[in-house]
Structures are given as C-alpha cells and as structure tokens.
Amino acid sequence: MKSVTTILFVENDAVALTMYQKRLQREGFHVEIAEDGTLSRVKIVDPSFFNWPALPVALAETIVPDFPLVNKSFNLSYAGNDL
C-alpha cells in the first residue's frame, strides 16, 4: 500500500490556493487547507531529522573512527535533531 504525503497549504489568495491544491492533488499529495490562514499546530524539524534512526544501523559492527564518515554520509545535523 502506497503512503500519501500530506501537505498543509496556507494561502490567502483563493485563486492561487485552488491552483496549487489541484496541482498537488494531481501529483498524488493529500492537501490540507488552513481556511482562515492560521496554523493551529506545527512541528518544525530539520531535514536530517528522519535520517537519525538509520545511524545505529549504519554503525553496526564498525569501529569508532568510522562515525564521522557515516555522519557526513547521512548529512546529519546535531542542532536540528533538538527542534
């Protein structure tokens, strides 16, 4: 089963909102619209946030000096993980 990515779209211009909503839906996205232009709930994460769980798997059975190379391979951000 294919998972669908949800996009929250905030736009005050009704024409632009409709145009982007139709285009994103054609591309296969589920579009949520903030009707009044306000956000009630937002969690901002660094793009590397979703790569962190892969780190222990990549480091399994390796030596400690391999850590910097693996870290850079995943482009991990230490500060971004705490957002």
PDB file of N, CA and C in Angstrom:
ATOM      1  N   MET A   1       0.837  -1.187   0.000  1.00  0.00           N
ATOM      2  CA  MET A   1       0.000   0.000   0.000  1.00  0.00           C
ATOM      3  C   MET A   1       0.880   1.248   0.000  1.00  0.00           C
ATOM      4  N   LYS A   2       0.624   2.157  -0.889  1.00  0.00           N
ATOM      5  CA  LYS A   2       1.425   3.372  -1.027  1.00  0.00           C
ATOM      6  C   LYS A   2       0.964   4.411  -0.005  1.00  0.00           C
ATOM      7  N   SER A   3       1.919   5.000   0.724  1.00  0.00           N
ATOM      8  CA  SER A   3       1.562   6.057   1.666  1.00  0.00           C
ATOM      9  C   SER A   3       1.438   7.377   0.914  1.00  0.00           C
ATOM     10  N   VAL A   4       0.560   8.215   1.398  1.00  0.00           N
ATOM     11  CA  VAL A   4       0.313   9.506   0.769  1.00  0.00           C
ATOM     12  C   VAL A   4       0.871  10.597   1.670  1.00  0.00           C
ATOM     13  N   THR A   5       1.631  11.506   1.093  1.00  0.00           N
ATOM     14  CA  THR A   5       2.189  12.623   1.829  1.00  0.00           C
ATOM     15  C   THR A   5       1.145  13.728   1.936  1.00  0.00           C
ATOM     16  N   THR A   6       0.971  14.235   3.144  1.00  0.00           N
ATOM     17  CA  THR A   6       0.020  15.323   3.371  1.00  0.00           C
ATOM     18  C   THR A   6       0.769  16.647   3.405  1.00  0.00           C
ATOM     19  N   ILE A   7       0.208  17.634   2.726  1.00  0.00           N
ATOM     20  CA  ILE A   7       0.781  18.972   2.694  1.00  0.00           C
ATOM     21  C   ILE A   7      -0.245  19.935   3.280  1.00  0.00           C
ATOM     22  N   LEU A   8       0.190  20.753   4.232  1.00  0.00           N
ATOM     23  CA  LEU A   8      -0.661  21.799   4.776  1.00  0.00           C
ATOM     24  C   LEU A   8      -0.370  23.062   3.999  1.00  0.00           C
ATOM     25  N   PHE A   9      -1.391  23.597   3.361  1.00  0.00           N
ATOM     26  CA  PHE A   9      -1.212  24.767   2.499  1.00  0.00           C
ATOM     27  C   PHE A   9      -1.921  25.956   3.116  1.00  0.00           C
ATOM     28  N   VAL A  10      -1.193  27.053   3.303  1.00  0.00           N
ATOM     29  CA  VAL A  10      -1.750  28.280   3.864  1.00  0.00           C
ATOM     30  C   VAL A  10      -1.616  29.363   2.803  1.00  0.00           C
ATOM     31  N   GLU A  11      -2.744  29.883   2.362  1.00  0.00           N
ATOM     32  CA  GLU A  11      -2.738  30.896   1.301  1.00  0.00           C
ATOM     33  C   GLU A  11      -3.991  31.755   1.424  1.00  0.00           C
ATOM     34  N   ASN A  12      -3.834  33.066   1.334  1.00  0.00           N
ATOM     35  CA  ASN A  12      -4.981  33.969   1.411  1.00  0.00           C
ATOM     36  C   ASN A  12      -5.649  34.189   0.060  1.00  0.00           C
ATOM     37  N   ASP A  13      -4.924  34.005  -1.021  1.00  0.00           N
ATOM     38  CA  ASP A  13      -5.466  34.218  -2.365  1.00  0.00           C
ATOM     39  C   ASP A  13      -6.205  32.955  -2.816  1.00  0.00           C
ATOM     40  N   ALA A  14      -7.514  33.052  -2.998  1.00  0.00           N
ATOM     41  CA  ALA A  14      -8.339  31.886  -3.337  1.00  0.00           C
ATOM     42  C   ALA A  14      -7.954  31.272  -4.682  1.00  0.00           C
ATOM     43  N   VAL A  15      -7.591  32.104  -5.653  1.00  0.00           N
ATOM     44  CA  VAL A  15      -7.207  31.597  -6.977  1.00  0.00           C
ATOM     45  C   VAL A  15      -5.918  30.785  -6.880  1.00  0.00           C
ATOM     46  N   ALA A  16      -4.924  31.327  -6.190  1.00  0.00           N
ATOM     47  CA  ALA A  16      -3.653  30.609  -6.016  1.00  0.00           C
ATOM     48  C   ALA A  16      -3.869  29.332  -5.217  1.00  0.00           C
ATOM     49  N   LEU A  17      -4.707  29.399  -4.203  1.00  0.00           N
ATOM     50  CA  LEU A  17      -4.993  28.233  -3.380  1.00  0.00           C
ATOM     51  C   LEU A  17      -5.576  27.103  -4.215  1.00  0.00           C
ATOM     52  N   THR A  18      -6.559  27.422  -5.021  1.00  0.00           N
ATOM     53  CA  THR A  18      -7.184  26.408  -5.875  1.00  0.00           C
ATOM     54  C   THR A  18      -6.196  25.840  -6.882  1.00  0.00           C
ATOM     55  N   MET A  19      -5.395  26.716  -7.485  1.00  0.00           N
ATOM     56  CA  MET A  19      -4.422  26.277  -8.482  1.00  0.00           C
ATOM     57  C   MET A  19      -3.407  25.306  -7.878  1.00  0.00           C
ATOM     58  N   TYR A  20      -2.830  25.681  -6.739  1.00  0.00           N
ATOM     59  CA  TYR A  20      -1.841  24.819  -6.103  1.00  0.00           C
ATOM     60  C   TYR A  20      -2.467  23.529  -5.576  1.00  0.00           C
ATOM     61  N   GLN A  21      -3.664  23.630  -5.015  1.00  0.00           N
ATOM     62  CA  GLN A  21      -4.326  22.439  -4.484  1.00  0.00           C
ATOM     63  C   GLN A  21      -4.569  21.413  -5.581  1.00  0.00           C
ATOM     64  N   LYS A  22      -5.082  21.843  -6.715  1.00  0.00           N
ATOM     65  CA  LYS A  22      -5.345  20.915  -7.823  1.00  0.00           C
ATOM     66  C   LYS A  22      -4.054  20.293  -8.345  1.00  0.00           C
ATOM     67  N   ARG A  23      -3.017  21.111  -8.464  1.00  0.00           N
ATOM     68  CA  ARG A  23      -1.743  20.605  -8.982  1.00  0.00           C
ATOM     69  C   ARG A  23      -1.135  19.571  -8.029  1.00  0.00           C
ATOM     70  N   LEU A  24      -1.136  19.890  -6.734  1.00  0.00           N
ATOM     71  CA  LEU A  24      -0.564  18.962  -5.756  1.00  0.00           C
ATOM     72  C   LEU A  24      -1.362  17.674  -5.677  1.00  0.00           C
ATOM     73  N   GLN A  25      -2.677  17.749  -5.791  1.00  0.00           N
ATOM     74  CA  GLN A  25      -3.502  16.541  -5.775  1.00  0.00           C
ATOM     75  C   GLN A  25      -3.252  15.690  -7.017  1.00  0.00           C
ATOM     76  N   ARG A  26      -3.053  16.326  -8.174  1.00  0.00           N
ATOM     77  CA  ARG A  26      -2.712  15.566  -9.390  1.00  0.00           C
ATOM     78  C   ARG A  26      -1.389  14.828  -9.230  1.00  0.00           C
ATOM     79  N   GLU A  27      -0.469  15.429  -8.466  1.00  0.00           N
ATOM     80  CA  GLU A  27       0.834  14.816  -8.225  1.00  0.00           C
ATOM     81  C   GLU A  27       0.757  13.708  -7.173  1.00  0.00           C
ATOM     82  N   GLY A  28      -0.411  13.527  -6.544  1.00  0.00           N
ATOM     83  CA  GLY A  28      -0.588  12.438  -5.595  1.00  0.00           C
ATOM     84  C   GLY A  28      -0.503  12.829  -4.129  1.00  0.00           C
ATOM     85  N   PHE A  29      -0.484  14.110  -3.827  1.00  0.00           N
ATOM     86  CA  PHE A  29      -0.418  14.575  -2.443  1.00  0.00           C
ATOM     87  C   PHE A  29      -1.821  14.788  -1.887  1.00  0.00           C
ATOM     88  N   HIS A  30      -1.961  14.606  -0.583  1.00  0.00           N
ATOM     89  CA  HIS A  30      -3.181  14.977   0.122  1.00  0.00           C
ATOM     90  C   HIS A  30      -2.963  16.384   0.637  1.00  0.00           C
ATOM     91  N   VAL A  31      -3.891  17.303   0.318  1.00  0.00           N
ATOM     92  CA  VAL A  31      -3.707  18.707   0.668  1.00  0.00           C
ATOM     93  C   VAL A  31      -4.691  19.101   1.762  1.00  0.00           C
ATOM     94  N   GLU A  32      -4.156  19.572   2.884  1.00  0.00           N
ATOM     95  CA  GLU A  32      -4.971  20.150   3.957  1.00  0.00           C
ATOM     96  C   GLU A  32      -4.886  21.660   3.802  1.00  0.00           C
ATOM     97  N   ILE A  33      -6.010  22.336   3.970  1.00  0.00           N
ATOM     98  CA  ILE A  33      -6.039  23.774   3.778  1.00  0.00           C
ATOM     99  C   ILE A  33      -6.365  24.467   5.098  1.00  0.00           C
ATOM    100  N   ALA A  34      -5.571  25.470   5.430  1.00  0.00           N
ATOM    101  CA  ALA A  34      -5.865  26.314   6.588  1.00  0.00           C
ATOM    102  C   ALA A  34      -6.787  27.413   6.091  1.00  0.00           C
ATOM    103  N   GLU A  35      -8.081  27.203   6.258  1.00  0.00           N
ATOM    104  CA  GLU A  35      -9.087  28.091   5.671  1.00  0.00           C
ATOM    105  C   GLU A  35      -8.925  29.552   6.077  1.00  0.00           C
ATOM    106  N   ASP A  36      -8.666  29.800   7.358  1.00  0.00           N
ATOM    107  CA  ASP A  36      -8.586  31.185   7.811  1.00  0.00           C
ATOM    108  C   ASP A  36      -7.159  31.743   7.770  1.00  0.00           C
ATOM    109  N   GLY A  37      -6.226  30.962   7.249  1.00  0.00           N
ATOM    110  CA  GLY A  37      -4.854  31.436   7.113  1.00  0.00           C
ATOM    111  C   GLY A  37      -4.019  31.337   8.361  1.00  0.00           C
ATOM    112  N   THR A  38      -4.533  30.644   9.390  1.00  0.00           N
ATOM    113  CA  THR A  38      -3.752  30.483  10.613  1.00  0.00           C
ATOM    114  C   THR A  38      -3.419  29.012  10.824  1.00  0.00           C
ATOM    115  N   LEU A  39      -2.310  28.784  11.484  1.00  0.00           N
ATOM    116  CA  LEU A  39      -1.891  27.420  11.788  1.00  0.00           C
ATOM    117  C   LEU A  39      -2.210  27.123  13.249  1.00  0.00           C
ATOM    118  N   SER A  40      -2.832  25.989  13.486  1.00  0.00           N
ATOM    119  CA  SER A  40      -3.150  25.630  14.861  1.00  0.00           C
ATOM    120  C   SER A  40      -2.093  24.717  15.465  1.00  0.00           C
ATOM    121  N   ARG A  41      -1.351  24.003  14.612  1.00  0.00           N
ATOM    122  CA  ARG A  41      -0.362  23.056  15.120  1.00  0.00           C
ATOM    123  C   ARG A  41       0.735  22.881  14.077  1.00  0.00           C
ATOM    124  N   VAL A  42       1.974  23.113  14.468  1.00  0.00           N
ATOM    125  CA  VAL A  42       3.097  22.968  13.554  1.00  0.00           C
ATOM    126  C   VAL A  42       4.284  22.393  14.315  1.00  0.00           C
ATOM    127  N   LYS A  43       4.959  21.419  13.730  1.00  0.00           N
ATOM    128  CA  LYS A  43       6.208  20.905  14.292  1.00  0.00           C
ATOM    129  C   LYS A  43       7.261  21.043  13.202  1.00  0.00           C
ATOM    130  N   ILE A  44       8.237  21.864  13.473  1.00  0.00           N
ATOM    131  CA  ILE A  44       9.297  22.103  12.503  1.00  0.00           C
ATOM    132  C   ILE A  44      10.470  21.192  12.837  1.00  0.00           C
ATOM    133  N   VAL A  45      10.952  20.475  11.851  1.00  0.00           N
ATOM    134  CA  VAL A  45      12.110  19.602  12.055  1.00  0.00           C
ATOM    135  C   VAL A  45      13.136  19.872  10.965  1.00  0.00           C
ATOM    136  N   ASP A  46      14.378  19.642  11.316  1.00  0.00           N
ATOM    137  CA  ASP A  46      15.467  19.749  10.366  1.00  0.00           C
ATOM    138  C   ASP A  46      15.317  18.628   9.332  1.00  0.00           C
ATOM    139  N   PRO A  47      15.707  18.844   8.076  1.00  0.00           N
ATOM    140  CA  PRO A  47      15.592  17.777   7.073  1.00  0.00           C
ATOM    141  C   PRO A  47      16.319  16.482   7.457  1.00  0.00           C
ATOM    142  N   SER A  48      17.363  16.590   8.281  1.00  0.00           N
ATOM    143  CA  SER A  48      18.090  15.376   8.649  1.00  0.00           C
ATOM    144  C   SER A  48      17.398  14.596   9.773  1.00  0.00           C
ATOM    145  N   PHE A  49      16.334  15.153  10.340  1.00  0.00           N
ATOM    146  CA  PHE A  49      15.642  14.534  11.471  1.00  0.00           C
ATOM    147  C   PHE A  49      15.268  13.079  11.191  1.00  0.00           C
ATOM    148  N   PHE A  50      14.787  12.789   9.993  1.00  0.00           N
ATOM    149  CA  PHE A  50      14.323  11.445   9.664  1.00  0.00           C
ATOM    150  C   PHE A  50      15.465  10.485   9.337  1.00  0.00           C
ATOM    151  N   ASN A  51      16.684  10.999   9.196  1.00  0.00           N
ATOM    152  CA  ASN A  51      17.833  10.137   8.925  1.00  0.00           C
ATOM    153  C   ASN A  51      18.469   9.587  10.198  1.00  0.00           C
ATOM    154  N   TRP A  52      18.207  10.206  11.345  1.00  0.00           N
ATOM    155  CA  TRP A  52      18.848   9.788  12.589  1.00  0.00           C
ATOM    156  C   TRP A  52      18.585   8.323  12.950  1.00  0.00           C
ATOM    157  N   PRO A  53      17.387   7.767  12.786  1.00  0.00           N
ATOM    158  CA  PRO A  53      17.183   6.360  13.145  1.00  0.00           C
ATOM    159  C   PRO A  53      18.048   5.380  12.333  1.00  0.00           C
ATOM    160  N   ALA A  54      18.515   5.797  11.166  1.00  0.00           N
ATOM    161  CA  ALA A  54      19.352   4.921  10.344  1.00  0.00           C
ATOM    162  C   ALA A  54      20.788   4.861  10.841  1.00  0.00           C
ATOM    163  N   LEU A  55      21.187   5.811  11.673  1.00  0.00           N
ATOM    164  CA  LEU A  55      22.573   5.875  12.131  1.00  0.00           C
ATOM    165  C   LEU A  55      23.019   4.626  12.886  1.00  0.00           C
ATOM    166  N   PRO A  56      22.268   4.120  13.875  1.00  0.00           N
ATOM    167  CA  PRO A  56      22.724   2.913  14.578  1.00  0.00           C
ATOM    168  C   PRO A  56      22.847   1.696  13.654  1.00  0.00           C
ATOM    169  N   VAL A  57      21.989   1.633  12.667  1.00  0.00           N
ATOM    170  CA  VAL A  57      22.054   0.515  11.722  1.00  0.00           C
ATOM    171  C   VAL A  57      23.322   0.618  10.880  1.00  0.00           C
ATOM    172  N   ALA A  58      23.632   1.826  10.426  1.00  0.00           N
ATOM    173  CA  ALA A  58      24.826   2.026   9.597  1.00  0.00           C
ATOM    174  C   ALA A  58      26.111   1.806  10.381  1.00  0.00           C
ATOM    175  N   LEU A  59      26.077   2.066  11.686  1.00  0.00           N
ATOM    176  CA  LEU A  59      27.275   1.933  12.509  1.00  0.00           C
ATOM    177  C   LEU A  59      27.440   0.550  13.132  1.00  0.00           C
ATOM    178  N   ALA A  60      26.483  -0.331  12.907  1.00  0.00           N
ATOM    179  CA  ALA A  60      26.578  -1.677  13.478  1.00  0.00           C
ATOM    180  C   ALA A  60      27.841  -2.371  12.981  1.00  0.00           C
ATOM    181  N   GLU A  61      28.571  -2.937  13.907  1.00  0.00           N
ATOM    182  CA  GLU A  61      29.795  -3.698  13.610  1.00  0.00           C
ATOM    183  C   GLU A  61      30.866  -2.848  12.911  1.00  0.00           C
ATOM    184  N   THR A  62      30.952  -1.566  13.262  1.00  0.00           N
ATOM    185  CA  THR A  62      32.018  -0.720  12.720  1.00  0.00           C
ATOM    186  C   THR A  62      32.869  -0.225  13.879  1.00  0.00           C
ATOM    187  N   ILE A  63      33.949   0.413  13.537  1.00  0.00           N
ATOM    188  CA  ILE A  63      34.822   0.954  14.577  1.00  0.00           C
ATOM    189  C   ILE A  63      34.503   2.438  14.776  1.00  0.00           C
ATOM    190  N   VAL A  64      34.860   2.965  15.924  1.00  0.00           N
ATOM    191  CA  VAL A  64      34.539   4.346  16.280  1.00  0.00           C
ATOM    192  C   VAL A  64      35.033   5.364  15.244  1.00  0.00           C
ATOM    193  N   PRO A  65      36.239   5.235  14.684  1.00  0.00           N
ATOM    194  CA  PRO A  65      36.680   6.237  13.701  1.00  0.00           C
ATOM    195  C   PRO A  65      35.800   6.320  12.449  1.00  0.00           C
ATOM    196  N   ASP A  66      34.926   5.334  12.213  1.00  0.00           N
ATOM    197  CA  ASP A  66      34.026   5.409  11.066  1.00  0.00           C
ATOM    198  C   ASP A  66      32.878   6.394  11.284  1.00  0.00           C
ATOM    199  N   PHE A  67      32.642   6.806  12.538  1.00  0.00           N
ATOM    200  CA  PHE A  67      31.491   7.657  12.835  1.00  0.00           C
ATOM    201  C   PHE A  67      31.454   8.954  12.029  1.00  0.00           C
ATOM    202  N   PRO A  68      32.544   9.725  11.939  1.00  0.00           N
ATOM    203  CA  PRO A  68      32.466  10.979  11.167  1.00  0.00           C
ATOM    204  C   PRO A  68      32.092  10.758   9.700  1.00  0.00           C
ATOM    205  N   LEU A  69      32.604   9.709   9.104  1.00  0.00           N
ATOM    206  CA  LEU A  69      32.285   9.416   7.711  1.00  0.00           C
ATOM    207  C   LEU A  69      30.806   9.056   7.555  1.00  0.00           C
ATOM    208  N   VAL A  70      30.302   8.211   8.444  1.00  0.00           N
ATOM    209  CA  VAL A  70      28.890   7.827   8.382  1.00  0.00           C
ATOM    210  C   VAL A  70      28.003   9.042   8.661  1.00  0.00           C
ATOM    211  N   ASN A  71      28.392   9.846   9.635  1.00  0.00           N
ATOM    212  CA  ASN A  71      27.621  11.041   9.973  1.00  0.00           C
ATOM    213  C   ASN A  71      27.495  11.958   8.760  1.00  0.00           C
ATOM    214  N   LYS A  72      28.587  12.207   8.071  1.00  0.00           N
ATOM    215  CA  LYS A  72      28.552  13.070   6.892  1.00  0.00           C
ATOM    216  C   LYS A  72      27.791  12.415   5.740  1.00  0.00           C
ATOM    217  N   SER A  73      27.836  11.105   5.653  1.00  0.00           N
ATOM    218  CA  SER A  73      27.105  10.398   4.593  1.00  0.00           C
ATOM    219  C   SER A  73      25.605  10.619   4.720  1.00  0.00           C
ATOM    220  N   PHE A  74      25.115  10.703   5.950  1.00  0.00           N
ATOM    221  CA  PHE A  74      23.693  10.919   6.186  1.00  0.00           C
ATOM    222  C   PHE A  74      23.345  12.403   6.296  1.00  0.00           C
ATOM    223  N   ASN A  75      24.351  13.270   6.255  1.00  0.00           N
ATOM    224  CA  ASN A  75      24.160  14.718   6.358  1.00  0.00           C
ATOM    225  C   ASN A  75      23.356  15.083   7.607  1.00  0.00           C
ATOM    226  N   LEU A  76      23.772  14.543   8.737  1.00  0.00           N
ATOM    227  CA  LEU A  76      23.044  14.749   9.988  1.00  0.00           C
ATOM    228  C   LEU A  76      23.381  16.091  10.608  1.00  0.00           C
ATOM    229  N   SER A  77      22.400  16.672  11.257  1.00  0.00           N
ATOM    230  CA  SER A  77      22.565  17.952  11.943  1.00  0.00           C
ATOM    231  C   SER A  77      22.324  17.742  13.427  1.00  0.00           C
ATOM    232  N   TYR A  78      23.332  18.012  14.243  1.00  0.00           N
ATOM    233  CA  TYR A  78      23.174  17.836  15.691  1.00  0.00           C
ATOM    234  C   TYR A  78      22.169  18.820  16.268  1.00  0.00           C
ATOM    235  N   ALA A  79      22.241  20.068  15.864  1.00  0.00           N
ATOM    236  CA  ALA A  79      21.335  21.078  16.397  1.00  0.00           C
ATOM    237  C   ALA A  79      19.907  20.856  15.905  1.00  0.00           C
ATOM    238  N   GLY A  80      19.752  20.432  14.674  1.00  0.00           N
ATOM    239  CA  GLY A  80      18.421  20.235  14.112  1.00  0.00           C
ATOM    240  C   GLY A  80      17.661  19.097  14.736  1.00  0.00           C
ATOM    241  N   ASN A  81      18.365  18.139  15.335  1.00  0.00           N
ATOM    242  CA  ASN A  81      17.699  16.998  15.955  1.00  0.00           C
ATOM    243  C   ASN A  81      16.937  17.410  17.201  1.00  0.00           C
ATOM    244  N   ASP A  82      17.263  18.571  17.762  1.00  0.00           N
ATOM    245  CA  ASP A  82      16.626  19.001  19.013  1.00  0.00           C
ATOM    246  C   ASP A  82      15.405  19.899  18.780  1.00  0.00           C
ATOM    247  N   LEU A  83      15.039  20.142  17.538  1.00  0.00           N
ATOM    248  CA  LEU A  83      13.923  21.058  17.287  1.00  0.00           C
ATOM    249  C   LEU A  83      12.627  20.516  17.818  1.00  0.00           C
TER     250      LEU A  83
END
